Structures are given as C-alpha cells and as structure tokens.
C-alpha cells in the first residue's frame, strides 16, 4: 500500500478527530493562553505514528508572489531594510501521492496585501499550485488569511478541492463571520463542502503529519509537524513568526502590526518560546511560511525542493 485509499483515510481521520476533539462549542484565541507542555513534542512524535502507511519522503514548496515591507514591520527592533515576504504553499510528498500545506491565492486576493502597491505575482506558478491542489490526497490550511486559504475557496475546482480540504471549526467560524476580506467569505452552505474538524491540542492527519493548535495570529491558526521516512523532522509554523529571527530572538511583530492583524501577544510568545526550545533542543527544521531568505537557503541545501511534483 503506497498511500491510504481516500475513503479509508478519511474514515480513520474522522475517528481520530473525535478521539482528540475538544468538547467546547467554540474555539477562539484564548483570553488566558497557556504555555505548551514540556512533553508536547514527545506526544506529537507518537501521534505521527498513529495513521498507518509509509512516511513521506520529501518536502517541496512553491512561491507564487512576494510582498515587500521594511523589516521594522516584521520584528520588534527591525531596521528599514527591505524584507521579502514569500507567499507560499508546501507539498509533503509520499510514495503514492502528496499532502498540501496551504493553498496560495489568485491575483485579486494578492492585491489586498499590497496596500495599493503593485507587487510581484506569478499567475503561472499559481496555476501549477492549483494543479497540485486538485491532485492532492489531502490539503491542510495553517490559518484563515487570504494568502493561505484563498486557493481552496476561489478556484474553478472548488468542489473537488473542498472535498479533501481540512478546515478547523475556528477557521470556518472566521471565514463565515469575519473573514480577512470579502473575497474569501464562506457561506454556511459552502462551508459544508469542506472537512471540518476540531481538536484539543494536536491531531494526526496522515502518516508522519500532525496538526498542532496554535491560536494567536488568528483564532484558527495551527502548525504542522512532518516526519519523513529519513527521520528528518520539519515544523511548519505558519505565521507564528514571519521570519526565523522572530523565533531565534523571541521577538514578536511590532505592536502596530499586531494591532492591525488583531493578534494575541501572550499566545504568540508562548508559541515562539516552545518553538525555540524544540528547535534548539531537538533540531527540527523550522519553517515560517514567508521567510524568503530561509526558503532559498533550505532549497540550496536540498532540504526542501523548489518545484512541486505533479505526478
């Protein structure tokens, strides 16, 4: 068996979601966030073995657009140096298919992030990403902002893609009630097309892949742990930090940026602290979604691939 058959896999996923799910009716950024448990990574590693099947063999990514900001908008104490925010999606490749992390966006959504500026966007790359989404076994979304989720909403293949896209209950609540922009709003009827899940702390969703709840940047934000067959570990932290320096220096985004987004500073600091401790102690490859310099370095070192597989 190279990869679980979709019906078997989704049935097992539903069972796991019920097993680990939260009994609470709502999931919001916590008023009183708590630090992550010291043994959380141990449990995540065990959960990565919960879904049977061969482990993934490599990681690919694609950059479909860029946004340019001064570093002072990205990290407390940053300079006026230009920071390139890579707009990305990631592909976890198995022997018989792949799982996508995030989904990119069309050009109309991209323009929202330019604040009136014209910034680089590659429609041909987004078309490749759409092919990868359509052929994926499963799609997970780190959070409900347009540059991460629009590709599973604003697409000609929405019904086909939605049927294999996991959205958390918190993500759906944001998208149906107060989306970042009107273009990504979901109606309750459209939301039912997706696989909507809830879980308390972490949830295995495929061999070697575990979701980790991480509200703070948005109510539905989550990280993604991946363990390859080679035993190399990756931690996709989404937008907990926009650059790896947010983690290394334990520095948040500036107050004005956080206020604009509506972030929880205490929740994000707990998450950054845990990520740094895990990175320093255990050595997983930590990947923020937007760190262009880091992504180019990891590609040069062949730790991630710079092109998506389409077959």
C-alpha atoms as a PDB file:
ATOM      1  CA  UNK A   1       0.000   0.000   0.000  1.00  0.00           C
ATOM      2  CA  UNK A   2       1.710   3.184  -1.138  1.00  0.00           C
ATOM      3  CA  UNK A   3      -0.859   5.571   0.339  1.00  0.00           C
ATOM      4  CA  UNK A   4      -4.114   5.121   2.172  1.00  0.00           C
ATOM      5  CA  UNK A   5      -7.158   4.995  -0.046  1.00  0.00           C
ATOM      6  CA  UNK A   6      -9.129   8.255   0.394  1.00  0.00           C
ATOM      7  CA  UNK A   7     -12.244   6.603   1.871  1.00  0.00           C
ATOM      8  CA  UNK A   8     -10.208   4.582   4.398  1.00  0.00           C
ATOM      9  CA  UNK A   9      -8.002   7.530   5.264  1.00  0.00           C
ATOM     10  CA  UNK A  10     -10.869   9.977   5.798  1.00  0.00           C
ATOM     11  CA  UNK A  11     -12.778   7.466   7.898  1.00  0.00           C
ATOM     12  CA  UNK A  12      -9.753   6.999  10.149  1.00  0.00           C
ATOM     13  CA  UNK A  13      -9.248  10.753  10.288  1.00  0.00           C
ATOM     14  CA  UNK A  14     -12.830  11.261  11.431  1.00  0.00           C
ATOM     15  CA  UNK A  15     -12.292   8.708  14.192  1.00  0.00           C
ATOM     16  CA  UNK A  16      -9.089  10.438  15.315  1.00  0.00           C
ATOM     17  CA  UNK A  17     -10.756  13.854  15.248  1.00  0.00           C
ATOM     18  CA  UNK A  18     -13.491  12.603  17.561  1.00  0.00           C
ATOM     19  CA  UNK A  19     -10.920  10.931  19.804  1.00  0.00           C
ATOM     20  CA  UNK A  20      -8.861  14.088  20.331  1.00  0.00           C
ATOM     21  CA  UNK A  21     -11.569  16.720  19.788  1.00  0.00           C
ATOM     22  CA  UNK A  22     -12.484  19.444  22.216  1.00  0.00           C
ATOM     23  CA  UNK A  23     -15.921  19.311  23.884  1.00  0.00           C
ATOM     24  CA  UNK A  24     -16.202  23.092  23.757  1.00  0.00           C
ATOM     25  CA  UNK A  25     -18.682  24.596  21.308  1.00  0.00           C
ATOM     26  CA  UNK A  26     -16.364  27.391  20.215  1.00  0.00           C
ATOM     27  CA  UNK A  27     -12.645  27.783  19.574  1.00  0.00           C
ATOM     28  CA  UNK A  28     -11.280  31.313  19.929  1.00  0.00           C
ATOM     29  CA  UNK A  29      -7.935  32.896  20.721  1.00  0.00           C
ATOM     30  CA  UNK A  30      -7.768  32.144  24.457  1.00  0.00           C
ATOM     31  CA  UNK A  31      -8.241  35.030  26.878  1.00  0.00           C
ATOM     32  CA  UNK A  32      -5.667  33.405  29.152  1.00  0.00           C
ATOM     33  CA  UNK A  33      -3.240  31.474  26.924  1.00  0.00           C
ATOM     34  CA  UNK A  34      -1.064  28.819  28.494  1.00  0.00           C
ATOM     35  CA  UNK A  35       2.475  27.643  27.752  1.00  0.00           C
ATOM     36  CA  UNK A  36       2.867  24.429  25.803  1.00  0.00           C
ATOM     37  CA  UNK A  37       3.540  21.289  27.847  1.00  0.00           C
ATOM     38  CA  UNK A  38       7.190  20.325  28.194  1.00  0.00           C
ATOM     39  CA  UNK A  39       6.475  16.856  26.777  1.00  0.00           C
ATOM     40  CA  UNK A  40       4.313  18.033  23.863  1.00  0.00           C
ATOM     41  CA  UNK A  41       6.852  17.049  21.212  1.00  0.00           C
ATOM     42  CA  UNK A  42       7.016  13.538  22.657  1.00  0.00           C
ATOM     43  CA  UNK A  43       3.263  13.190  22.204  1.00  0.00           C
ATOM     44  CA  UNK A  44       3.397  14.692  18.715  1.00  0.00           C
ATOM     45  CA  UNK A  45       6.083  12.228  17.667  1.00  0.00           C
ATOM     46  CA  UNK A  46       3.955   9.361  18.945  1.00  0.00           C
ATOM     47  CA  UNK A  47       0.894  10.762  17.157  1.00  0.00           C
ATOM     48  CA  UNK A  48       2.881  10.889  13.908  1.00  0.00           C
ATOM     49  CA  UNK A  49       2.802   7.069  14.010  1.00  0.00           C
ATOM     50  CA  UNK A  50      -0.957   6.842  14.611  1.00  0.00           C
ATOM     51  CA  UNK A  51      -2.059   6.848  10.972  1.00  0.00           C
ATOM     52  CA  UNK A  52      -0.803   3.676   9.248  1.00  0.00           C
ATOM     53  CA  UNK A  53       1.093   3.838   5.990  1.00  0.00           C
ATOM     54  CA  UNK A  54       4.520   4.758   4.616  1.00  0.00           C
ATOM     55  CA  UNK A  55       6.018   8.023   5.785  1.00  0.00           C
ATOM     56  CA  UNK A  56       6.562  10.957   3.418  1.00  0.00           C
ATOM     57  CA  UNK A  57       9.830  11.110   1.536  1.00  0.00           C
ATOM     58  CA  UNK A  58      10.418  14.800   0.760  1.00  0.00           C
ATOM     59  CA  UNK A  59       9.131  18.362   1.037  1.00  0.00           C
ATOM     60  CA  UNK A  60       8.598  20.776  -1.868  1.00  0.00           C
ATOM     61  CA  UNK A  61       7.413  24.355  -1.927  1.00  0.00           C
ATOM     62  CA  UNK A  62       6.295  26.999  -4.399  1.00  0.00           C
ATOM     63  CA  UNK A  63       6.404  30.789  -4.196  1.00  0.00           C
ATOM     64  CA  UNK A  64       3.604  32.425  -6.148  1.00  0.00           C
ATOM     65  CA  UNK A  65       4.024  36.044  -5.045  1.00  0.00           C
ATOM     66  CA  UNK A  66       6.027  38.486  -2.960  1.00  0.00           C
ATOM     67  CA  UNK A  67       5.184  41.327  -0.631  1.00  0.00           C
ATOM     68  CA  UNK A  68       7.811  43.875   0.355  1.00  0.00           C
ATOM     69  CA  UNK A  69       7.928  45.529   3.774  1.00  0.00           C
ATOM     70  CA  UNK A  70      10.574  47.183   5.934  1.00  0.00           C
ATOM     71  CA  UNK A  71      11.963  44.745   8.475  1.00  0.00           C
ATOM     72  CA  UNK A  72      10.684  47.127  11.153  1.00  0.00           C
ATOM     73  CA  UNK A  73       7.147  45.936  10.259  1.00  0.00           C
ATOM     74  CA  UNK A  74       8.159  42.305  10.746  1.00  0.00           C
ATOM     75  CA  UNK A  75      10.028  42.118  14.053  1.00  0.00           C
ATOM     76  CA  UNK A  76      10.395  44.380  17.070  1.00  0.00           C
ATOM     77  CA  UNK A  77      13.568  46.419  16.673  1.00  0.00           C
ATOM     78  CA  UNK A  78      13.884  45.661  12.959  1.00  0.00           C
ATOM     79  CA  UNK A  79      15.671  48.040  10.592  1.00  0.00           C
ATOM     80  CA  UNK A  80      14.376  49.758   7.465  1.00  0.00           C
ATOM     81  CA  UNK A  81      15.984  47.022   5.362  1.00  0.00           C
ATOM     82  CA  UNK A  82      13.618  45.524   2.783  1.00  0.00           C
ATOM     83  CA  UNK A  83      12.015  42.255   3.877  1.00  0.00           C
ATOM     84  CA  UNK A  84      10.634  39.983   1.155  1.00  0.00           C
ATOM     85  CA  UNK A  85       7.549  38.103   2.284  1.00  0.00           C
ATOM     86  CA  UNK A  86       7.308  34.976   0.158  1.00  0.00           C
ATOM     87  CA  UNK A  87       3.711  33.882  -0.493  1.00  0.00           C
ATOM     88  CA  UNK A  88       3.990  30.113  -0.435  1.00  0.00           C
ATOM     89  CA  UNK A  89       2.462  26.674  -0.258  1.00  0.00           C
ATOM     90  CA  UNK A  90       4.189  23.419   0.692  1.00  0.00           C
ATOM     91  CA  UNK A  91       3.922  19.856  -0.605  1.00  0.00           C
ATOM     92  CA  UNK A  92       4.571  16.782   1.548  1.00  0.00           C
ATOM     93  CA  UNK A  93       5.360  14.013  -0.917  1.00  0.00           C
ATOM     94  CA  UNK A  94       4.588  10.334  -0.215  1.00  0.00           C
ATOM     95  CA  UNK A  95       5.496   7.329  -2.388  1.00  0.00           C
ATOM     96  CA  UNK A  96       1.976   7.372  -3.845  1.00  0.00           C
ATOM     97  CA  UNK A  97       0.731  10.959  -3.619  1.00  0.00           C
ATOM     98  CA  UNK A  98       1.031  14.153  -1.622  1.00  0.00           C
ATOM     99  CA  UNK A  99      -0.483  16.348   1.038  1.00  0.00           C
ATOM    100  CA  UNK A 100      -0.546  20.121   0.567  1.00  0.00           C
ATOM    101  CA  UNK A 101       0.026  22.675   3.316  1.00  0.00           C
ATOM    102  CA  UNK A 102      -1.750  25.927   2.382  1.00  0.00           C
ATOM    103  CA  UNK A 103      -3.147  26.840  -0.993  1.00  0.00           C
ATOM    104  CA  UNK A 104      -1.924  30.171  -2.320  1.00  0.00           C
ATOM    105  CA  UNK A 105      -4.199  32.825  -3.808  1.00  0.00           C
ATOM    106  CA  UNK A 106      -5.347  34.418  -7.030  1.00  0.00           C
ATOM    107  CA  UNK A 107      -4.105  37.845  -8.095  1.00  0.00           C
ATOM    108  CA  UNK A 108      -7.184  39.702  -6.857  1.00  0.00           C
ATOM    109  CA  UNK A 109      -6.518  38.488  -3.312  1.00  0.00           C
ATOM    110  CA  UNK A 110      -2.802  39.220  -3.688  1.00  0.00           C
ATOM    111  CA  UNK A 111      -3.576  42.879  -4.425  1.00  0.00           C
ATOM    112  CA  UNK A 112      -5.172  43.183  -0.962  1.00  0.00           C
ATOM    113  CA  UNK A 113      -1.748  42.692   0.619  1.00  0.00           C
ATOM    114  CA  UNK A 114      -0.076  45.367  -1.499  1.00  0.00           C
ATOM    115  CA  UNK A 115      -1.893  48.252   0.210  1.00  0.00           C
ATOM    116  CA  UNK A 116      -2.087  49.980  -3.152  1.00  0.00           C
ATOM    117  CA  UNK A 117       1.378  48.932  -4.331  1.00  0.00           C
ATOM    118  CA  UNK A 118       1.970  46.678  -7.335  1.00  0.00           C
ATOM    119  CA  UNK A 119       3.998  43.713  -6.114  1.00  0.00           C
ATOM    120  CA  UNK A 120       5.280  40.553  -7.822  1.00  0.00           C
ATOM    121  CA  UNK A 121       2.723  37.861  -8.637  1.00  0.00           C
ATOM    122  CA  UNK A 122       3.244  34.837 -10.888  1.00  0.00           C
ATOM    123  CA  UNK A 123      -0.040  33.543 -12.308  1.00  0.00           C
ATOM    124  CA  UNK A 124       1.738  30.622 -13.996  1.00  0.00           C
ATOM    125  CA  UNK A 125       3.062  29.421 -10.640  1.00  0.00           C
ATOM    126  CA  UNK A 126      -0.379  29.701  -9.084  1.00  0.00           C
ATOM    127  CA  UNK A 127      -1.734  27.587 -11.956  1.00  0.00           C
ATOM    128  CA  UNK A 128       0.846  24.909 -11.076  1.00  0.00           C
ATOM    129  CA  UNK A 129      -0.214  25.145  -7.441  1.00  0.00           C
ATOM    130  CA  UNK A 130      -3.847  24.682  -8.437  1.00  0.00           C
ATOM    131  CA  UNK A 131      -2.886  21.514 -10.313  1.00  0.00           C
ATOM    132  CA  UNK A 132      -1.110  20.208  -7.204  1.00  0.00           C
ATOM    133  CA  UNK A 133      -4.138  21.017  -5.032  1.00  0.00           C
ATOM    134  CA  UNK A 134      -6.513  19.281  -7.420  1.00  0.00           C
ATOM    135  CA  UNK A 135      -4.362  16.125  -7.467  1.00  0.00           C
ATOM    136  CA  UNK A 136      -3.545  16.120  -3.725  1.00  0.00           C
ATOM    137  CA  UNK A 137      -4.697  13.371  -1.376  1.00  0.00           C
ATOM    138  CA  UNK A 138      -5.328  15.907   1.377  1.00  0.00           C
ATOM    139  CA  UNK A 139      -4.976  19.656   1.970  1.00  0.00           C
ATOM    140  CA  UNK A 140      -4.416  21.343   5.340  1.00  0.00           C
ATOM    141  CA  UNK A 141      -4.520  25.081   5.986  1.00  0.00           C
ATOM    142  CA  UNK A 142      -2.321  26.772   8.585  1.00  0.00           C
ATOM    143  CA  UNK A 143      -4.803  29.620   9.041  1.00  0.00           C
ATOM    144  CA  UNK A 144      -7.659  31.572   7.589  1.00  0.00           C
ATOM    145  CA  UNK A 145      -5.879  34.528   5.951  1.00  0.00           C
ATOM    146  CA  UNK A 146      -6.321  35.031   2.228  1.00  0.00           C
ATOM    147  CA  UNK A 147      -2.782  34.227   1.137  1.00  0.00           C
ATOM    148  CA  UNK A 148      -3.068  30.794   2.780  1.00  0.00           C
ATOM    149  CA  UNK A 149      -6.695  29.769   2.209  1.00  0.00           C
ATOM    150  CA  UNK A 150      -7.927  31.536  -0.943  1.00  0.00           C
ATOM    151  CA  UNK A 151      -6.668  28.756  -3.212  1.00  0.00           C
ATOM    152  CA  UNK A 152      -9.229  26.302  -1.811  1.00  0.00           C
ATOM    153  CA  UNK A 153     -12.068  28.844  -1.959  1.00  0.00           C
ATOM    154  CA  UNK A 154     -11.560  30.961  -5.090  1.00  0.00           C
ATOM    155  CA  UNK A 155     -10.926  28.180  -7.593  1.00  0.00           C
ATOM    156  CA  UNK A 156     -12.709  26.658 -10.579  1.00  0.00           C
ATOM    157  CA  UNK A 157     -12.161  23.245  -8.955  1.00  0.00           C
ATOM    158  CA  UNK A 158     -13.634  24.279  -5.594  1.00  0.00           C
ATOM    159  CA  UNK A 159     -15.959  21.293  -5.125  1.00  0.00           C
ATOM    160  CA  UNK A 160     -13.232  18.768  -5.916  1.00  0.00           C
ATOM    161  CA  UNK A 161     -10.673  20.572  -3.776  1.00  0.00           C
ATOM    162  CA  UNK A 162     -13.046  21.247  -0.869  1.00  0.00           C
ATOM    163  CA  UNK A 163     -13.858  17.546  -0.539  1.00  0.00           C
ATOM    164  CA  UNK A 164     -10.259  16.866   0.588  1.00  0.00           C
ATOM    165  CA  UNK A 165      -9.511  20.098   2.435  1.00  0.00           C
ATOM    166  CA  UNK A 166      -9.408  20.076   6.238  1.00  0.00           C
ATOM    167  CA  UNK A 167     -10.624  23.273   7.894  1.00  0.00           C
ATOM    168  CA  UNK A 168     -10.847  23.603  11.644  1.00  0.00           C
ATOM    169  CA  UNK A 169     -14.034  24.797  13.298  1.00  0.00           C
ATOM    170  CA  UNK A 170     -12.268  28.019  14.303  1.00  0.00           C
ATOM    171  CA  UNK A 171     -11.121  28.630  10.723  1.00  0.00           C
ATOM    172  CA  UNK A 172     -14.652  28.134   9.427  1.00  0.00           C
ATOM    173  CA  UNK A 173     -16.045  30.486  12.049  1.00  0.00           C
ATOM    174  CA  UNK A 174     -13.641  33.202  10.914  1.00  0.00           C
ATOM    175  CA  UNK A 175     -14.334  32.609   7.238  1.00  0.00           C
ATOM    176  CA  UNK A 176     -18.115  32.674   7.671  1.00  0.00           C
ATOM    177  CA  UNK A 177     -18.446  35.522  10.169  1.00  0.00           C
ATOM    178  CA  UNK A 178     -15.471  37.899   9.976  1.00  0.00           C
ATOM    179  CA  UNK A 179     -13.139  36.987   7.080  1.00  0.00           C
ATOM    180  CA  UNK A 180      -9.999  38.993   6.441  1.00  0.00           C
ATOM    181  CA  UNK A 181     -11.550  40.189   3.167  1.00  0.00           C
ATOM    182  CA  UNK A 182     -14.923  39.723   1.435  1.00  0.00           C
ATOM    183  CA  UNK A 183     -13.341  37.669  -1.339  1.00  0.00           C
ATOM    184  CA  UNK A 184     -12.700  34.687   0.955  1.00  0.00           C
ATOM    185  CA  UNK A 185     -16.001  34.670   2.839  1.00  0.00           C
ATOM    186  CA  UNK A 186     -17.667  31.267   3.079  1.00  0.00           C
ATOM    187  CA  UNK A 187     -21.390  30.869   3.423  1.00  0.00           C
ATOM    188  CA  UNK A 188     -22.560  28.159   5.834  1.00  0.00           C
ATOM    189  CA  UNK A 189     -23.668  26.148   2.789  1.00  0.00           C
ATOM    190  CA  UNK A 190     -20.241  26.361   1.127  1.00  0.00           C
ATOM    191  CA  UNK A 191     -18.513  25.561   4.421  1.00  0.00           C
ATOM    192  CA  UNK A 192     -20.265  22.185   4.498  1.00  0.00           C
ATOM    193  CA  UNK A 193     -18.297  21.197   1.387  1.00  0.00           C
ATOM    194  CA  UNK A 194     -15.093  21.050   3.427  1.00  0.00           C
ATOM    195  CA  UNK A 195     -13.951  18.511   6.031  1.00  0.00           C
ATOM    196  CA  UNK A 196     -14.496  20.475   9.244  1.00  0.00           C
ATOM    197  CA  UNK A 197     -12.625  19.223  12.302  1.00  0.00           C
ATOM    198  CA  UNK A 198     -11.892  20.266  15.866  1.00  0.00           C
ATOM    199  CA  UNK A 199      -9.267  19.013  18.269  1.00  0.00           C
ATOM    200  CA  UNK A 200      -7.858  19.945  21.659  1.00  0.00           C
ATOM    201  CA  UNK A 201      -4.085  20.159  21.217  1.00  0.00           C
ATOM    202  CA  UNK A 202      -2.768  18.083  18.307  1.00  0.00           C
ATOM    203  CA  UNK A 203      -4.194  15.786  15.653  1.00  0.00           C
ATOM    204  CA  UNK A 204      -2.512  13.227  13.362  1.00  0.00           C
ATOM    205  CA  UNK A 205      -3.943  13.524   9.851  1.00  0.00           C
ATOM    206  CA  UNK A 206      -1.644  11.355   7.701  1.00  0.00           C
ATOM    207  CA  UNK A 207       1.398   9.149   8.249  1.00  0.00           C
ATOM    208  CA  UNK A 208       4.065  11.388   9.748  1.00  0.00           C
ATOM    209  CA  UNK A 209       1.879  14.539   9.747  1.00  0.00           C
ATOM    210  CA  UNK A 210       0.415  16.108  12.896  1.00  0.00           C
ATOM    211  CA  UNK A 211      -1.534  19.353  13.259  1.00  0.00           C
ATOM    212  CA  UNK A 212      -0.725  21.452  16.346  1.00  0.00           C
ATOM    213  CA  UNK A 213      -3.224  24.004  17.598  1.00  0.00           C
ATOM    214  CA  UNK A 214      -1.624  27.469  17.760  1.00  0.00           C
ATOM    215  CA  UNK A 215      -4.184  30.298  18.001  1.00  0.00           C
ATOM    216  CA  UNK A 216      -2.783  33.791  18.350  1.00  0.00           C
ATOM    217  CA  UNK A 217      -2.110  35.086  14.853  1.00  0.00           C
ATOM    218  CA  UNK A 218      -5.692  34.093  14.034  1.00  0.00           C
ATOM    219  CA  UNK A 219      -8.263  32.089  16.027  1.00  0.00           C
ATOM    220  CA  UNK A 220      -7.799  29.076  13.765  1.00  0.00           C
ATOM    221  CA  UNK A 221      -4.032  29.144  13.370  1.00  0.00           C
ATOM    222  CA  UNK A 222      -2.209  25.817  13.572  1.00  0.00           C
ATOM    223  CA  UNK A 223       1.276  24.488  12.974  1.00  0.00           C
ATOM    224  CA  UNK A 224       2.145  21.325  11.057  1.00  0.00           C
ATOM    225  CA  UNK A 225       4.708  18.750  12.183  1.00  0.00           C
ATOM    226  CA  UNK A 226       6.119  16.432   9.500  1.00  0.00           C
ATOM    227  CA  UNK A 227       8.428  13.452   9.946  1.00  0.00           C
ATOM    228  CA  UNK A 228       9.982  11.959   6.816  1.00  0.00           C
ATOM    229  CA  UNK A 229      10.943   8.335   6.262  1.00  0.00           C
ATOM    230  CA  UNK A 230      14.550   9.535   6.617  1.00  0.00           C
ATOM    231  CA  UNK A 231      13.620  10.581  10.210  1.00  0.00           C
ATOM    232  CA  UNK A 232      14.209  14.256   9.377  1.00  0.00           C
ATOM    233  CA  UNK A 233      11.646  16.430  11.146  1.00  0.00           C
ATOM    234  CA  UNK A 234      10.022  19.650   9.963  1.00  0.00           C
ATOM    235  CA  UNK A 235       7.879  22.130  11.845  1.00  0.00           C
ATOM    236  CA  UNK A 236       5.820  24.432   9.644  1.00  0.00           C
ATOM    237  CA  UNK A 237       4.917  27.320  11.925  1.00  0.00           C
ATOM    238  CA  UNK A 238       2.715  29.254   9.509  1.00  0.00           C
ATOM    239  CA  UNK A 239       2.584  32.877  10.643  1.00  0.00           C
ATOM    240  CA  UNK A 240       3.526  32.468  14.314  1.00  0.00           C
ATOM    241  CA  UNK A 241       6.583  34.413  13.101  1.00  0.00           C
ATOM    242  CA  UNK A 242       7.140  35.825   9.632  1.00  0.00           C
ATOM    243  CA  UNK A 243      10.886  35.248   9.831  1.00  0.00           C
ATOM    244  CA  UNK A 244      13.002  32.688  11.649  1.00  0.00           C
ATOM    245  CA  UNK A 245      14.511  35.595  13.583  1.00  0.00           C
ATOM    246  CA  UNK A 246      11.159  36.015  15.353  1.00  0.00           C
ATOM    247  CA  UNK A 247      11.866  32.566  16.809  1.00  0.00           C
ATOM    248  CA  UNK A 248      15.606  32.878  17.374  1.00  0.00           C
ATOM    249  CA  UNK A 249      15.310  36.250  19.102  1.00  0.00           C
ATOM    250  CA  UNK A 250      11.927  35.578  20.756  1.00  0.00           C
ATOM    251  CA  UNK A 251      10.611  38.830  19.325  1.00  0.00           C
ATOM    252  CA  UNK A 252       7.059  39.469  18.196  1.00  0.00           C
ATOM    253  CA  UNK A 253       5.845  41.643  15.386  1.00  0.00           C
ATOM    254  CA  UNK A 254       5.700  45.365  16.302  1.00  0.00           C
ATOM    255  CA  UNK A 255       2.665  46.489  18.276  1.00  0.00           C
ATOM    256  CA  UNK A 256       1.183  48.426  15.354  1.00  0.00           C
ATOM    257  CA  UNK A 257       1.373  45.353  13.105  1.00  0.00           C
ATOM    258  CA  UNK A 258      -0.145  43.116  15.777  1.00  0.00           C
ATOM    259  CA  UNK A 259      -2.950  45.591  16.417  1.00  0.00           C
ATOM    260  CA  UNK A 260      -3.754  45.769  12.686  1.00  0.00           C
ATOM    261  CA  UNK A 261      -3.990  41.970  12.482  1.00  0.00           C
ATOM    262  CA  UNK A 262      -5.732  41.514  15.832  1.00  0.00           C
ATOM    263  CA  UNK A 263      -3.165  39.154  17.338  1.00  0.00           C
ATOM    264  CA  UNK A 264      -2.738  37.860  20.876  1.00  0.00           C
ATOM    265  CA  UNK A 265       0.761  38.753  22.070  1.00  0.00           C
ATOM    266  CA  UNK A 266       0.740  36.345  25.068  1.00  0.00           C
ATOM    267  CA  UNK A 267      -0.364  33.392  22.920  1.00  0.00           C
ATOM    268  CA  UNK A 268       2.252  34.095  20.255  1.00  0.00           C
ATOM    269  CA  UNK A 269       5.032  34.449  22.811  1.00  0.00           C
ATOM    270  CA  UNK A 270       4.176  31.079  24.357  1.00  0.00           C
ATOM    271  CA  UNK A 271       4.289  29.564  20.871  1.00  0.00           C
ATOM    272  CA  UNK A 272       7.583  31.233  19.921  1.00  0.00           C
ATOM    273  CA  UNK A 273       9.117  30.072  23.203  1.00  0.00           C
ATOM    274  CA  UNK A 274       8.068  26.472  22.612  1.00  0.00           C
ATOM    275  CA  UNK A 275       9.258  26.518  19.001  1.00  0.00           C
ATOM    276  CA  UNK A 276      12.656  27.898  20.004  1.00  0.00           C
ATOM    277  CA  UNK A 277      13.069  25.347  22.796  1.00  0.00           C
ATOM    278  CA  UNK A 278      12.192  22.494  20.435  1.00  0.00           C
ATOM    279  CA  UNK A 279      14.418  23.869  17.668  1.00  0.00           C
ATOM    280  CA  UNK A 280      17.416  24.320  19.973  1.00  0.00           C
ATOM    281  CA  UNK A 281      16.987  21.009  21.810  1.00  0.00           C
ATOM    282  CA  UNK A 282      15.684  18.619  19.155  1.00  0.00           C
ATOM    283  CA  UNK A 283      16.740  20.170  15.866  1.00  0.00           C
ATOM    284  CA  UNK A 284      13.666  20.019  13.628  1.00  0.00           C
ATOM    285  CA  UNK A 285      13.779  22.253  10.558  1.00  0.00           C
ATOM    286  CA  UNK A 286      11.527  25.175  11.483  1.00  0.00           C
ATOM    287  CA  UNK A 287       9.852  26.846   8.512  1.00  0.00           C
ATOM    288  CA  UNK A 288       7.849  30.062   8.735  1.00  0.00           C
ATOM    289  CA  UNK A 289       5.604  30.446   5.696  1.00  0.00           C
ATOM    290  CA  UNK A 290       7.034  33.767   4.500  1.00  0.00           C
ATOM    291  CA  UNK A 291      10.798  33.803   5.188  1.00  0.00           C
ATOM    292  CA  UNK A 292      12.203  34.176   1.666  1.00  0.00           C
ATOM    293  CA  UNK A 293      15.848  34.140   2.771  1.00  0.00           C
ATOM    294  CA  UNK A 294      15.371  30.952   4.772  1.00  0.00           C
ATOM    295  CA  UNK A 295      13.480  29.219   1.972  1.00  0.00           C
ATOM    296  CA  UNK A 296      16.210  29.994  -0.541  1.00  0.00           C
ATOM    297  CA  UNK A 297      18.814  28.663   1.907  1.00  0.00           C
ATOM    298  CA  UNK A 298      16.894  25.432   2.559  1.00  0.00           C
ATOM    299  CA  UNK A 299      16.451  24.942  -1.183  1.00  0.00           C
ATOM    300  CA  UNK A 300      20.170  25.449  -1.813  1.00  0.00           C
ATOM    301  CA  UNK A 301      20.918  22.845   0.878  1.00  0.00           C
ATOM    302  CA  UNK A 302      18.391  20.454  -0.728  1.00  0.00           C
ATOM    303  CA  UNK A 303      16.380  20.284   2.486  1.00  0.00           C
ATOM    304  CA  UNK A 304      13.287  21.302   0.530  1.00  0.00           C
ATOM    305  CA  UNK A 305      12.567  21.158  -3.184  1.00  0.00           C
ATOM    306  CA  UNK A 306      11.844  24.297  -5.184  1.00  0.00           C
ATOM    307  CA  UNK A 307       9.330  22.728  -7.566  1.00  0.00           C
ATOM    308  CA  UNK A 308       6.067  20.935  -6.956  1.00  0.00           C
ATOM    309  CA  UNK A 309       5.576  17.357  -8.113  1.00  0.00           C
ATOM    310  CA  UNK A 310       2.521  16.944 -10.335  1.00  0.00           C
ATOM    311  CA  UNK A 311       2.571  13.175 -10.778  1.00  0.00           C
END
